[in-house]
Structure formats: C-alpha cells, structure tokens
Amino acid sequence: MIVRERILRNELTSGSVLSRRKPAKELGMSLLPVSEALQRLESDGLVESKPRVGTRVRVLTAQDVREQYLVREALECQSARLFAEKASPRERRELACMAEHMDVLFNRSAAGDNDHELLYVANSYHFHLHLRIAECTGCNALRETIEKNHLLIFNWLLRVGPRSLPPRFHRELIKSISGSDTEVAEKAMREHIGYGLEEVLRGIERRVHGE
C-alpha cells in the first residue's frame, strides 16, 4: 500500500497524522479498503490510533527499538539454526549470491555514495535477504514474525544513515549458516545482529531526543 511505502521511506515521519480521505482520493477508491489497509498497518505496528488525535504513524521510543532488537536476535538466531538444518543446496547458493550483492550495496553507501534512494534500496534488499533466510526454513510463522519485526526497525535504520561494515559482512554470515552446524549458524547470526548495535541505538536515541 502507498501509505506503508511512504512510512518506510520516511516521507511520512513519526507522529504524522494519517487521513483516510487523501489516499482514497489519490487511488480512486472508497474509504473502506483504505480503512482496512490502515488497520493492517496498525496490526503490523507501523501506525497507531490515539483519542483526539486519530490515526498516526507510530511514535517509537529508543527503548522500543532496543526491545525490538532483542526480539530480532531471538527470531533470527532460530532462523539461522533452521536454515543450517533445512536449506537446500540451491537455496544456499541463492543466498550466497544475494549476500554478495548486499555487500556491494552497503559498501557503496559507506564509501560516500549515500544518497537517500541508494540507502533505501540497500535497506530494502537487506530486509528481503533476511526474509529469504527465514523462508528457506519452511516455517511460515517464523518468517511472518521476522517480517513484522523488520518493518518496525526499517525506517529507523534508514534515518540513522549509512553504516561502515566489514567488506564481506553478509557473505561471511551466509557462509557460516550454510554449513550443517546449527551452533555455528546461531553464533554467526547473533554476532551479525549485534555488530555495531550500540552505535545504531545511540544514533536512534539522538534522533528521538532531537525531534
């Protein structure tokens, strides 16, 4: 939906009040499907309804984001374990290719080619790479929960801006989870999620307090 896209791109910022009539008019549809779409966004945690305010883009605190990272670590470590157990050779090769492309995008952004569109593309691809890992586990519930978690932190990462990561950051992750050792896979994912986390959270906190 157009509203979700605008939220993820930070075109609709934290606290922005959302009108049902405007997107209905833009898309040439009735208010009912727009209302249903906003309800889904509220279920995903991207928007919230407040008395005397109406529906607005959810206002996340730094503590909210910190807690979502704790949830992300638990979910993705399990995803890595299951991937090591269940992914097919074709899926492992696919993820290796995705990881190589992912590193190229992040390395370009960190090198100073940090326009907003490139950063959005890099974060979107990162989002889909981790969803693809979860898809390969065969557990739809895990994949759906990881997707919801990523949506909540996606635009915060976009707002923090480009990060400097090791050149082969995602390729090394996929290499580690593509073996048959589930303990190695879990450890690699835990380190991956935690890399530079405090720096990210400090950046988020600065932006929260600066608003």
N, C-alpha and C. Protein backbone atom coordinates (compact mmCIF):
# COMPACT_ATOMS: atom_id res chain seq x y z
N MET A 1 0.84 -1.20 0.00
CA MET A 1 0.00 0.00 0.00
C MET A 1 0.88 1.25 0.00
N ILE A 2 0.37 2.31 -0.63
CA ILE A 2 1.13 3.54 -0.77
C ILE A 2 1.51 4.15 0.58
N VAL A 3 0.63 4.03 1.59
CA VAL A 3 0.93 4.61 2.90
C VAL A 3 2.10 3.88 3.54
N ARG A 4 2.12 2.56 3.45
CA ARG A 4 3.24 1.79 4.01
C ARG A 4 4.56 2.18 3.35
N GLU A 5 4.54 2.31 2.02
CA GLU A 5 5.75 2.70 1.30
C GLU A 5 6.24 4.06 1.76
N ARG A 6 5.33 5.00 1.94
CA ARG A 6 5.72 6.35 2.35
C ARG A 6 6.25 6.37 3.79
N ILE A 7 5.71 5.49 4.64
CA ILE A 7 6.23 5.39 6.01
C ILE A 7 7.65 4.84 5.98
N LEU A 8 7.86 3.75 5.22
CA LEU A 8 9.18 3.12 5.18
C LEU A 8 10.23 4.04 4.55
N ARG A 9 9.81 4.92 3.67
CA ARG A 9 10.74 5.86 3.05
C ARG A 9 10.94 7.11 3.89
N ASN A 10 10.25 7.19 5.04
CA ASN A 10 10.31 8.37 5.91
C ASN A 10 9.71 9.61 5.26
N GLU A 11 8.86 9.41 4.26
CA GLU A 11 8.11 10.53 3.71
C GLU A 11 6.98 10.91 4.65
N LEU A 12 6.47 9.93 5.38
CA LEU A 12 5.55 10.17 6.49
C LEU A 12 6.33 9.88 7.76
N THR A 13 6.65 10.90 8.50
CA THR A 13 7.53 10.75 9.65
C THR A 13 6.76 10.36 10.91
N SER A 14 7.50 10.00 11.92
CA SER A 14 6.94 9.60 13.21
C SER A 14 5.96 10.66 13.72
N GLY A 15 4.73 10.22 14.04
CA GLY A 15 3.72 11.14 14.57
C GLY A 15 2.84 11.79 13.53
N SER A 16 3.13 11.58 12.23
CA SER A 16 2.31 12.18 11.18
C SER A 16 0.89 11.63 11.24
N VAL A 17 -0.09 12.52 11.23
CA VAL A 17 -1.49 12.12 11.24
C VAL A 17 -1.88 11.64 9.85
N LEU A 18 -2.59 10.52 9.79
CA LEU A 18 -2.95 9.90 8.52
C LEU A 18 -4.42 10.10 8.21
N SER A 19 -4.69 10.65 7.06
CA SER A 19 -6.06 10.84 6.59
C SER A 19 -6.48 9.66 5.73
N ARG A 20 -7.71 9.19 5.92
CA ARG A 20 -8.23 8.15 5.06
C ARG A 20 -8.68 8.70 3.71
N ARG A 21 -9.14 9.92 3.72
CA ARG A 21 -9.71 10.50 2.51
C ARG A 21 -8.65 10.78 1.44
N LYS A 22 -7.47 11.26 1.86
CA LYS A 22 -6.46 11.63 0.88
C LYS A 22 -5.98 10.44 0.06
N PRO A 23 -5.54 9.31 0.68
CA PRO A 23 -5.12 8.17 -0.16
C PRO A 23 -6.28 7.58 -0.95
N ALA A 24 -7.52 7.64 -0.41
CA ALA A 24 -8.67 7.13 -1.15
C ALA A 24 -8.86 7.93 -2.42
N LYS A 25 -8.70 9.25 -2.31
CA LYS A 25 -8.85 10.12 -3.47
C LYS A 25 -7.71 9.89 -4.46
N GLU A 26 -6.48 9.76 -3.95
CA GLU A 26 -5.32 9.55 -4.83
C GLU A 26 -5.43 8.25 -5.60
N LEU A 27 -5.96 7.22 -4.95
CA LEU A 27 -6.03 5.89 -5.57
C LEU A 27 -7.37 5.63 -6.25
N GLY A 28 -8.31 6.57 -6.12
CA GLY A 28 -9.60 6.42 -6.76
C GLY A 28 -10.41 5.26 -6.20
N MET A 29 -10.43 5.12 -4.88
CA MET A 29 -11.17 4.04 -4.25
C MET A 29 -12.00 4.58 -3.09
N SER A 30 -12.85 3.71 -2.56
CA SER A 30 -13.69 4.12 -1.44
C SER A 30 -12.88 4.14 -0.15
N LEU A 31 -13.48 4.65 0.93
CA LEU A 31 -12.79 4.73 2.20
C LEU A 31 -12.59 3.36 2.85
N LEU A 32 -13.46 2.40 2.53
CA LEU A 32 -13.40 1.09 3.21
C LEU A 32 -12.08 0.38 3.00
N PRO A 33 -11.60 0.19 1.76
CA PRO A 33 -10.31 -0.51 1.61
C PRO A 33 -9.14 0.25 2.23
N VAL A 34 -9.20 1.58 2.23
CA VAL A 34 -8.15 2.37 2.87
C VAL A 34 -8.17 2.14 4.37
N SER A 35 -9.38 2.13 4.95
CA SER A 35 -9.51 1.88 6.39
C SER A 35 -8.99 0.49 6.75
N GLU A 36 -9.30 -0.50 5.92
CA GLU A 36 -8.83 -1.87 6.17
C GLU A 36 -7.31 -1.94 6.08
N ALA A 37 -6.73 -1.21 5.11
CA ALA A 37 -5.27 -1.20 4.96
C ALA A 37 -4.60 -0.55 6.17
N LEU A 38 -5.19 0.54 6.68
CA LEU A 38 -4.64 1.19 7.86
C LEU A 38 -4.74 0.30 9.09
N GLN A 39 -5.80 -0.49 9.15
CA GLN A 39 -5.93 -1.44 10.26
C GLN A 39 -4.82 -2.49 10.20
N ARG A 40 -4.47 -2.93 8.98
CA ARG A 40 -3.37 -3.89 8.84
C ARG A 40 -2.05 -3.26 9.26
N LEU A 41 -1.86 -2.00 8.90
CA LEU A 41 -0.63 -1.30 9.30
C LEU A 41 -0.57 -1.14 10.81
N GLU A 42 -1.73 -0.95 11.43
CA GLU A 42 -1.75 -0.85 12.88
C GLU A 42 -1.42 -2.19 13.51
N SER A 43 -1.93 -3.27 12.91
CA SER A 43 -1.61 -4.61 13.39
C SER A 43 -0.12 -4.90 13.25
N ASP A 44 0.51 -4.36 12.20
CA ASP A 44 1.95 -4.54 11.99
C ASP A 44 2.78 -3.65 12.91
N GLY A 45 2.12 -2.69 13.57
CA GLY A 45 2.84 -1.81 14.49
C GLY A 45 3.38 -0.55 13.86
N LEU A 46 3.04 -0.29 12.59
CA LEU A 46 3.57 0.90 11.91
C LEU A 46 2.75 2.15 12.20
N VAL A 47 1.46 1.98 12.49
CA VAL A 47 0.63 3.14 12.83
C VAL A 47 -0.09 2.85 14.14
N GLU A 48 -0.64 3.90 14.73
CA GLU A 48 -1.37 3.76 15.99
C GLU A 48 -2.54 4.73 15.99
N SER A 49 -3.57 4.38 16.74
CA SER A 49 -4.75 5.23 16.88
C SER A 49 -4.78 5.80 18.28
N LYS A 50 -4.94 7.12 18.36
CA LYS A 50 -4.96 7.81 19.65
C LYS A 50 -6.23 8.64 19.77
N PRO A 51 -6.86 8.65 20.97
CA PRO A 51 -8.04 9.51 21.17
C PRO A 51 -7.70 10.97 20.90
N ARG A 52 -8.58 11.66 20.24
CA ARG A 52 -8.46 13.09 19.91
C ARG A 52 -7.32 13.39 18.94
N VAL A 53 -6.64 12.36 18.50
CA VAL A 53 -5.58 12.55 17.51
C VAL A 53 -5.94 11.84 16.20
N GLY A 54 -6.50 10.65 16.33
CA GLY A 54 -6.81 9.83 15.17
C GLY A 54 -5.70 8.85 14.89
N THR A 55 -5.57 8.46 13.65
CA THR A 55 -4.54 7.50 13.24
C THR A 55 -3.29 8.26 12.82
N ARG A 56 -2.15 7.82 13.34
CA ARG A 56 -0.89 8.49 13.01
C ARG A 56 0.22 7.46 12.89
N VAL A 57 1.31 7.86 12.26
CA VAL A 57 2.49 6.99 12.20
C VAL A 57 2.99 6.77 13.62
N ARG A 58 3.23 5.52 13.96
CA ARG A 58 3.60 5.18 15.33
C ARG A 58 4.84 5.93 15.79
N VAL A 59 4.78 6.43 17.00
CA VAL A 59 5.91 7.12 17.61
C VAL A 59 6.68 6.09 18.44
N LEU A 60 7.84 5.68 17.96
CA LEU A 60 8.67 4.70 18.67
C LEU A 60 9.70 5.42 19.51
N THR A 61 9.90 4.94 20.71
CA THR A 61 10.97 5.45 21.56
C THR A 61 12.23 4.63 21.32
N ALA A 62 13.35 5.14 21.78
CA ALA A 62 14.61 4.38 21.67
C ALA A 62 14.50 3.06 22.40
N GLN A 63 13.77 3.03 23.52
CA GLN A 63 13.59 1.78 24.25
C GLN A 63 12.78 0.78 23.44
N ASP A 64 11.77 1.27 22.70
CA ASP A 64 11.00 0.39 21.83
C ASP A 64 11.92 -0.30 20.82
N VAL A 65 12.80 0.49 20.22
CA VAL A 65 13.70 -0.05 19.20
C VAL A 65 14.68 -1.03 19.83
N ARG A 66 15.21 -0.70 21.01
CA ARG A 66 16.12 -1.61 21.70
C ARG A 66 15.45 -2.96 21.96
N GLU A 67 14.19 -2.92 22.39
CA GLU A 67 13.47 -4.16 22.66
C GLU A 67 13.21 -4.95 21.38
N GLN A 68 12.93 -4.24 20.29
CA GLN A 68 12.72 -4.93 19.02
C GLN A 68 13.99 -5.63 18.55
N TYR A 69 15.15 -5.05 18.86
CA TYR A 69 16.41 -5.71 18.52
C TYR A 69 16.60 -6.99 19.33
N LEU A 70 16.18 -6.98 20.58
CA LEU A 70 16.26 -8.20 21.39
C LEU A 70 15.38 -9.29 20.79
N VAL A 71 14.19 -8.89 20.35
CA VAL A 71 13.28 -9.85 19.71
C VAL A 71 13.89 -10.33 18.40
N ARG A 72 14.47 -9.40 17.64
CA ARG A 72 15.08 -9.77 16.36
C ARG A 72 16.18 -10.80 16.56
N GLU A 73 17.01 -10.61 17.56
CA GLU A 73 18.09 -11.55 17.82
C GLU A 73 17.56 -12.96 18.06
N ALA A 74 16.53 -13.06 18.90
CA ALA A 74 15.96 -14.37 19.20
C ALA A 74 15.37 -15.03 17.95
N LEU A 75 14.62 -14.25 17.17
CA LEU A 75 13.98 -14.79 15.98
C LEU A 75 15.00 -15.22 14.94
N GLU A 76 15.99 -14.38 14.69
CA GLU A 76 16.92 -14.65 13.59
C GLU A 76 17.94 -15.72 13.94
N CYS A 77 18.25 -15.86 15.22
CA CYS A 77 19.12 -16.97 15.61
C CYS A 77 18.43 -18.30 15.36
N GLN A 78 17.14 -18.37 15.65
CA GLN A 78 16.38 -19.59 15.35
C GLN A 78 16.29 -19.80 13.85
N SER A 79 16.11 -18.72 13.10
CA SER A 79 16.06 -18.81 11.64
C SER A 79 17.37 -19.36 11.10
N ALA A 80 18.49 -18.91 11.64
CA ALA A 80 19.80 -19.39 11.18
C ALA A 80 19.98 -20.88 11.47
N ARG A 81 19.55 -21.31 12.65
CA ARG A 81 19.66 -22.73 13.01
C ARG A 81 18.86 -23.58 12.03
N LEU A 82 17.63 -23.17 11.75
CA LEU A 82 16.77 -23.95 10.86
C LEU A 82 17.29 -23.92 9.43
N PHE A 83 17.84 -22.78 9.02
CA PHE A 83 18.43 -22.70 7.68
C PHE A 83 19.56 -23.71 7.55
N ALA A 84 20.43 -23.77 8.55
CA ALA A 84 21.55 -24.72 8.51
C ALA A 84 21.05 -26.16 8.40
N GLU A 85 19.90 -26.43 9.02
CA GLU A 85 19.34 -27.79 9.01
C GLU A 85 18.63 -28.12 7.71
N LYS A 86 17.88 -27.15 7.16
CA LYS A 86 16.88 -27.49 6.15
C LYS A 86 17.11 -26.92 4.77
N ALA A 87 17.90 -25.87 4.62
CA ALA A 87 18.03 -25.23 3.31
C ALA A 87 18.63 -26.19 2.28
N SER A 88 18.10 -26.13 1.09
CA SER A 88 18.61 -26.97 0.00
C SER A 88 19.90 -26.37 -0.57
N PRO A 89 20.67 -27.18 -1.31
CA PRO A 89 21.88 -26.63 -1.95
C PRO A 89 21.55 -25.43 -2.85
N ARG A 90 20.44 -25.50 -3.58
CA ARG A 90 20.07 -24.38 -4.45
C ARG A 90 19.79 -23.13 -3.64
N GLU A 91 19.10 -23.27 -2.51
CA GLU A 91 18.80 -22.13 -1.65
C GLU A 91 20.07 -21.53 -1.05
N ARG A 92 21.01 -22.38 -0.69
CA ARG A 92 22.28 -21.89 -0.13
C ARG A 92 23.06 -21.10 -1.19
N ARG A 93 23.03 -21.56 -2.42
CA ARG A 93 23.70 -20.82 -3.49
C ARG A 93 22.99 -19.49 -3.76
N GLU A 94 21.67 -19.53 -3.73
CA GLU A 94 20.89 -18.30 -3.93
C GLU A 94 21.24 -17.26 -2.88
N LEU A 95 21.30 -17.67 -1.61
CA LEU A 95 21.61 -16.73 -0.53
C LEU A 95 23.04 -16.21 -0.63
N ALA A 96 23.95 -17.05 -1.11
CA ALA A 96 25.33 -16.58 -1.30
C ALA A 96 25.38 -15.47 -2.34
N CYS A 97 24.61 -15.60 -3.40
CA CYS A 97 24.55 -14.55 -4.43
C CYS A 97 23.91 -13.28 -3.89
N MET A 98 22.84 -13.45 -3.12
CA MET A 98 22.18 -12.29 -2.52
C MET A 98 23.13 -11.56 -1.57
N ALA A 99 23.89 -12.33 -0.79
CA ALA A 99 24.81 -11.73 0.17
C ALA A 99 25.91 -10.94 -0.53
N GLU A 100 26.38 -11.44 -1.66
CA GLU A 100 27.41 -10.72 -2.42
C GLU A 100 26.86 -9.38 -2.90
N HIS A 101 25.64 -9.39 -3.43
CA HIS A 101 25.02 -8.15 -3.89
C HIS A 101 24.77 -7.21 -2.72
N MET A 102 24.38 -7.77 -1.59
CA MET A 102 24.12 -6.97 -0.40
C MET A 102 25.38 -6.22 0.03
N ASP A 103 26.49 -6.90 0.05
CA ASP A 103 27.76 -6.26 0.44
C ASP A 103 28.14 -5.15 -0.52
N VAL A 104 27.89 -5.36 -1.81
CA VAL A 104 28.20 -4.31 -2.79
C VAL A 104 27.39 -3.05 -2.49
N LEU A 105 26.10 -3.22 -2.21
CA LEU A 105 25.24 -2.07 -1.93
C LEU A 105 25.68 -1.32 -0.68
N PHE A 106 25.93 -2.06 0.41
CA PHE A 106 26.34 -1.41 1.65
C PHE A 106 27.72 -0.77 1.53
N ASN A 107 28.63 -1.42 0.82
CA ASN A 107 29.97 -0.85 0.64
C ASN A 107 29.91 0.44 -0.17
N ARG A 108 29.06 0.49 -1.18
CA ARG A 108 28.89 1.72 -1.96
C ARG A 108 28.36 2.84 -1.07
N SER A 109 27.38 2.52 -0.24
CA SER A 109 26.77 3.52 0.63
C SER A 109 27.79 4.03 1.64
N ALA A 110 28.56 3.13 2.24
CA ALA A 110 29.54 3.52 3.25
C ALA A 110 30.69 4.32 2.66
N ALA A 111 30.93 4.13 1.35
CA ALA A 111 32.04 4.82 0.69
C ALA A 111 31.72 6.28 0.36
N GLY A 112 30.50 6.68 0.67
CA GLY A 112 30.14 8.08 0.43
C GLY A 112 29.05 8.26 -0.59
N ASP A 113 28.71 7.17 -1.30
CA ASP A 113 27.60 7.23 -2.26
C ASP A 113 26.32 7.00 -1.47
N ASN A 114 25.99 7.97 -0.62
CA ASN A 114 24.96 7.74 0.39
C ASN A 114 23.69 8.55 0.14
N ASP A 115 23.30 8.68 -1.13
CA ASP A 115 22.04 9.35 -1.39
C ASP A 115 20.90 8.52 -0.80
N HIS A 116 19.81 9.20 -0.53
CA HIS A 116 18.71 8.57 0.19
C HIS A 116 18.16 7.37 -0.56
N GLU A 117 18.08 7.45 -1.89
CA GLU A 117 17.50 6.36 -2.67
C GLU A 117 18.37 5.11 -2.59
N LEU A 118 19.69 5.27 -2.68
CA LEU A 118 20.58 4.12 -2.56
C LEU A 118 20.45 3.49 -1.18
N LEU A 119 20.38 4.32 -0.15
CA LEU A 119 20.24 3.81 1.20
C LEU A 119 18.94 3.04 1.36
N TYR A 120 17.87 3.55 0.75
CA TYR A 120 16.58 2.86 0.80
C TYR A 120 16.67 1.52 0.08
N VAL A 121 17.30 1.50 -1.09
CA VAL A 121 17.44 0.26 -1.85
C VAL A 121 18.26 -0.76 -1.06
N ALA A 122 19.35 -0.30 -0.44
CA ALA A 122 20.20 -1.20 0.34
C ALA A 122 19.45 -1.79 1.52
N ASN A 123 18.72 -0.95 2.24
CA ASN A 123 17.96 -1.45 3.38
C ASN A 123 16.82 -2.36 2.96
N SER A 124 16.20 -2.06 1.82
CA SER A 124 15.13 -2.93 1.31
C SER A 124 15.68 -4.30 0.94
N TYR A 125 16.85 -4.32 0.30
CA TYR A 125 17.45 -5.59 -0.08
C TYR A 125 17.87 -6.38 1.15
N HIS A 126 18.37 -5.67 2.15
CA HIS A 126 18.73 -6.30 3.41
C HIS A 126 17.51 -6.96 4.06
N PHE A 127 16.41 -6.24 4.04
CA PHE A 127 15.13 -6.74 4.55
C PHE A 127 14.76 -8.05 3.86
N HIS A 128 14.86 -8.07 2.52
CA HIS A 128 14.46 -9.26 1.77
C HIS A 128 15.46 -10.40 1.94
N LEU A 129 16.73 -10.09 2.12
CA LEU A 129 17.71 -11.16 2.35
C LEU A 129 17.37 -11.93 3.63
N HIS A 130 17.09 -11.20 4.69
CA HIS A 130 16.78 -11.88 5.95
C HIS A 130 15.43 -12.61 5.89
N LEU A 131 14.48 -12.06 5.14
CA LEU A 131 13.22 -12.78 4.95
C LEU A 131 13.44 -14.06 4.15
N ARG A 132 14.34 -13.99 3.18
CA ARG A 132 14.60 -15.18 2.37
C ARG A 132 15.25 -16.28 3.21
N ILE A 133 16.13 -15.91 4.12
CA ILE A 133 16.69 -16.91 5.04
C ILE A 133 15.56 -17.61 5.79
N ALA A 134 14.63 -16.80 6.31
CA ALA A 134 13.51 -17.36 7.07
C ALA A 134 12.60 -18.22 6.20
N GLU A 135 12.37 -17.80 4.95
CA GLU A 135 11.54 -18.59 4.04
C GLU A 135 12.12 -19.98 3.81
N CYS A 136 13.44 -20.05 3.75
CA CYS A 136 14.11 -21.33 3.49
C CYS A 136 14.02 -22.30 4.66
N THR A 137 13.57 -21.81 5.82
CA THR A 137 13.39 -22.71 6.96
C THR A 137 12.12 -23.53 6.84
N GLY A 138 11.19 -23.07 5.99
CA GLY A 138 9.91 -23.76 5.85
C GLY A 138 8.91 -23.43 6.93
N CYS A 139 9.25 -22.49 7.82
CA CYS A 139 8.36 -22.11 8.92
C CYS A 139 7.74 -20.76 8.60
N ASN A 140 6.49 -20.77 8.12
CA ASN A 140 5.83 -19.53 7.72
C ASN A 140 5.60 -18.59 8.88
N ALA A 141 5.28 -19.13 10.04
CA ALA A 141 5.04 -18.29 11.21
C ALA A 141 6.29 -17.53 11.60
N LEU A 142 7.45 -18.18 11.51
CA LEU A 142 8.71 -17.53 11.83
C LEU A 142 8.99 -16.42 10.82
N ARG A 143 8.77 -16.72 9.55
CA ARG A 143 9.00 -15.74 8.51
C ARG A 143 8.11 -14.51 8.70
N GLU A 144 6.84 -14.71 9.00
CA GLU A 144 5.90 -13.60 9.18
C GLU A 144 6.28 -12.75 10.39
N THR A 145 6.74 -13.39 11.46
CA THR A 145 7.10 -12.64 12.66
C THR A 145 8.37 -11.83 12.43
N ILE A 146 9.33 -12.41 11.70
CA ILE A 146 10.55 -11.67 11.36
C ILE A 146 10.21 -10.48 10.46
N GLU A 147 9.30 -10.66 9.52
CA GLU A 147 8.90 -9.55 8.66
C GLU A 147 8.32 -8.40 9.48
N LYS A 148 7.44 -8.72 10.41
CA LYS A 148 6.83 -7.68 11.24
C LYS A 148 7.89 -6.96 12.07
N ASN A 149 8.83 -7.71 12.62
CA ASN A 149 9.90 -7.11 13.41
C ASN A 149 10.76 -6.18 12.57
N HIS A 150 11.11 -6.60 11.35
CA HIS A 150 11.94 -5.78 10.48
C HIS A 150 11.22 -4.50 10.06
N LEU A 151 9.91 -4.58 9.85
CA LEU A 151 9.16 -3.39 9.47
C LEU A 151 9.26 -2.32 10.55
N LEU A 152 9.26 -2.74 11.80
CA LEU A 152 9.28 -1.78 12.90
C LEU A 152 10.61 -1.04 13.02
N ILE A 153 11.70 -1.67 12.59
CA ILE A 153 13.01 -1.00 12.73
C ILE A 153 13.55 -0.50 11.39
N PHE A 154 12.84 -0.80 10.29
CA PHE A 154 13.34 -0.47 8.96
C PHE A 154 13.63 1.03 8.81
N ASN A 155 12.61 1.86 9.07
CA ASN A 155 12.84 3.28 8.79
C ASN A 155 13.73 3.95 9.83
N TRP A 156 13.88 3.32 11.02
CA TRP A 156 14.84 3.85 11.98
C TRP A 156 16.26 3.67 11.46
N LEU A 157 16.52 2.51 10.86
CA LEU A 157 17.84 2.28 10.27
C LEU A 157 18.09 3.24 9.12
N LEU A 158 17.03 3.52 8.36
CA LEU A 158 17.16 4.46 7.25
C LEU A 158 17.50 5.85 7.76
N ARG A 159 16.92 6.23 8.88
CA ARG A 159 17.15 7.56 9.42
C ARG A 159 18.55 7.68 10.04
N VAL A 160 19.08 6.61 10.58
CA VAL A 160 20.43 6.65 11.14
C VAL A 160 21.46 6.90 10.05
N GLY A 161 21.16 6.41 8.83
CA GLY A 161 22.06 6.66 7.71
C GLY A 161 23.00 5.49 7.43
N PRO A 162 23.94 5.65 6.51
CA PRO A 162 24.84 4.57 6.12
C PRO A 162 25.76 4.17 7.26
N ARG A 163 26.05 2.87 7.34
CA ARG A 163 26.96 2.37 8.36
C ARG A 163 28.16 1.71 7.69
N SER A 164 29.30 1.82 8.34
CA SER A 164 30.50 1.17 7.84
C SER A 164 30.54 -0.27 8.37
N LEU A 165 30.50 -1.23 7.44
CA LEU A 165 30.50 -2.64 7.80
C LEU A 165 31.71 -3.33 7.16
N PRO A 166 32.14 -4.47 7.71
CA PRO A 166 33.21 -5.21 7.05
C PRO A 166 32.84 -5.51 5.60
N PRO A 167 33.81 -5.51 4.67
CA PRO A 167 33.52 -5.65 3.23
C PRO A 167 32.74 -6.91 2.87
N ARG A 168 32.97 -8.00 3.60
CA ARG A 168 32.30 -9.27 3.30
C ARG A 168 31.30 -9.63 4.40
N PHE A 169 30.69 -8.65 4.99
CA PHE A 169 29.86 -8.84 6.17
C PHE A 169 28.75 -9.88 5.95
N HIS A 170 28.01 -9.74 4.88
CA HIS A 170 26.88 -10.66 4.64
C HIS A 170 27.33 -11.97 4.00
N ARG A 171 28.40 -11.92 3.21
CA ARG A 171 28.91 -13.16 2.65
C ARG A 171 29.44 -14.09 3.74
N GLU A 172 30.08 -13.53 4.74
CA GLU A 172 30.58 -14.35 5.85
C GLU A 172 29.43 -14.94 6.66
N LEU A 173 28.37 -14.15 6.82
CA LEU A 173 27.20 -14.68 7.53
C LEU A 173 26.62 -15.88 6.80
N ILE A 174 26.36 -15.72 5.51
CA ILE A 174 25.75 -16.81 4.75
C ILE A 174 26.67 -18.03 4.70
N LYS A 175 27.96 -17.80 4.60
CA LYS A 175 28.91 -18.92 4.62
C LYS A 175 28.77 -19.70 5.93
N SER A 176 28.62 -18.99 7.03
CA SER A 176 28.55 -19.65 8.35
C SER A 176 27.25 -20.41 8.55
N ILE A 177 26.14 -19.84 8.06
CA ILE A 177 24.86 -20.52 8.29
C ILE A 177 24.58 -21.58 7.23
N SER A 178 25.42 -21.65 6.20
CA SER A 178 25.21 -22.64 5.13
C SER A 178 25.88 -23.97 5.42
N GLY A 179 26.61 -24.05 6.53
CA GLY A 179 27.15 -25.34 6.94
C GLY A 179 26.07 -26.15 7.64
N SER A 180 26.44 -27.29 8.16
CA SER A 180 25.45 -28.14 8.83
C SER A 180 25.45 -27.98 10.34
N ASP A 181 26.35 -27.15 10.87
CA ASP A 181 26.48 -26.98 12.32
C ASP A 181 25.55 -25.86 12.79
N THR A 182 24.49 -26.23 13.50
CA THR A 182 23.49 -25.24 13.93
C THR A 182 24.04 -24.30 14.99
N GLU A 183 24.98 -24.77 15.81
CA GLU A 183 25.57 -23.90 16.83
C GLU A 183 26.41 -22.80 16.18
N VAL A 184 27.16 -23.17 15.15
CA VAL A 184 27.95 -22.18 14.41
C VAL A 184 27.03 -21.18 13.73
N ALA A 185 25.94 -21.67 13.17
CA ALA A 185 24.98 -20.79 12.49
C ALA A 185 24.37 -19.79 13.47
N GLU A 186 23.97 -20.27 14.63
CA GLU A 186 23.36 -19.37 15.62
C GLU A 186 24.36 -18.32 16.10
N LYS A 187 25.59 -18.75 16.37
CA LYS A 187 26.62 -17.82 16.85
C LYS A 187 26.90 -16.74 15.81
N ALA A 188 26.98 -17.14 14.54
CA ALA A 188 27.26 -16.18 13.48
C ALA A 188 26.13 -15.16 13.35
N MET A 189 24.89 -15.62 13.45
CA MET A 189 23.77 -14.70 13.34
C MET A 189 23.71 -13.77 14.54
N ARG A 190 24.00 -14.29 15.73
CA ARG A 190 23.99 -13.44 16.93
C ARG A 190 25.03 -12.32 16.80
N GLU A 191 26.21 -12.67 16.32
CA GLU A 191 27.26 -11.66 16.12
C GLU A 191 26.87 -10.67 15.03
N HIS A 192 26.22 -11.17 13.99
CA HIS A 192 25.78 -10.32 12.88
C HIS A 192 24.77 -9.29 13.36
N ILE A 193 23.77 -9.73 14.11
CA ILE A 193 22.73 -8.83 14.61
C ILE A 193 23.34 -7.81 15.58
N GLY A 194 24.29 -8.24 16.39
CA GLY A 194 24.85 -7.37 17.43
C GLY A 194 25.94 -6.43 16.94
N TYR A 195 26.42 -6.62 15.70
CA TYR A 195 27.54 -5.81 15.22
C TYR A 195 27.16 -4.33 15.16
N GLY A 196 27.87 -3.51 15.89
CA GLY A 196 27.62 -2.07 15.88
C GLY A 196 26.29 -1.64 16.45
N LEU A 197 25.65 -2.56 17.20
CA LEU A 197 24.30 -2.27 17.68
C LEU A 197 24.23 -1.04 18.57
N GLU A 198 25.18 -0.92 19.50
CA GLU A 198 25.14 0.23 20.41
C GLU A 198 25.29 1.54 19.65
N GLU A 199 26.10 1.53 18.61
CA GLU A 199 26.25 2.73 17.78
C GLU A 199 24.93 3.09 17.10
N VAL A 200 24.25 2.07 16.58
CA VAL A 200 22.94 2.29 15.95
C VAL A 200 21.95 2.85 16.96
N LEU A 201 21.90 2.25 18.13
CA LEU A 201 20.93 2.67 19.14
C LEU A 201 21.23 4.08 19.64
N ARG A 202 22.50 4.43 19.76
CA ARG A 202 22.84 5.80 20.14
C ARG A 202 22.39 6.79 19.08
N GLY A 203 22.55 6.41 17.81
CA GLY A 203 22.08 7.26 16.73
C GLY A 203 20.58 7.44 16.76
N ILE A 204 19.87 6.36 17.06
CA ILE A 204 18.41 6.44 17.16
C ILE A 204 18.01 7.33 18.33
N GLU A 205 18.67 7.15 19.46
CA GLU A 205 18.34 7.96 20.65
C GLU A 205 18.58 9.44 20.38
N ARG A 206 19.68 9.76 19.67
CA ARG A 206 19.93 11.17 19.34
C ARG A 206 18.81 11.74 18.49
N ARG A 207 18.33 10.95 17.57
CA ARG A 207 17.26 11.43 16.68
C ARG A 207 15.94 11.56 17.44
N VAL A 208 15.67 10.61 18.36
CA VAL A 208 14.46 10.69 19.17
C VAL A 208 14.46 11.96 19.99
N HIS A 209 15.57 12.24 20.66
CA HIS A 209 15.65 13.41 21.54
C HIS A 209 15.74 14.71 20.75
N GLY A 210 16.17 14.60 19.49
CA GLY A 210 16.29 15.80 18.66
C GLY A 210 14.99 16.22 18.03
N GLU A 211 13.98 15.34 18.07
CA GLU A 211 12.71 15.66 17.44
C GLU A 211 11.84 16.52 18.36
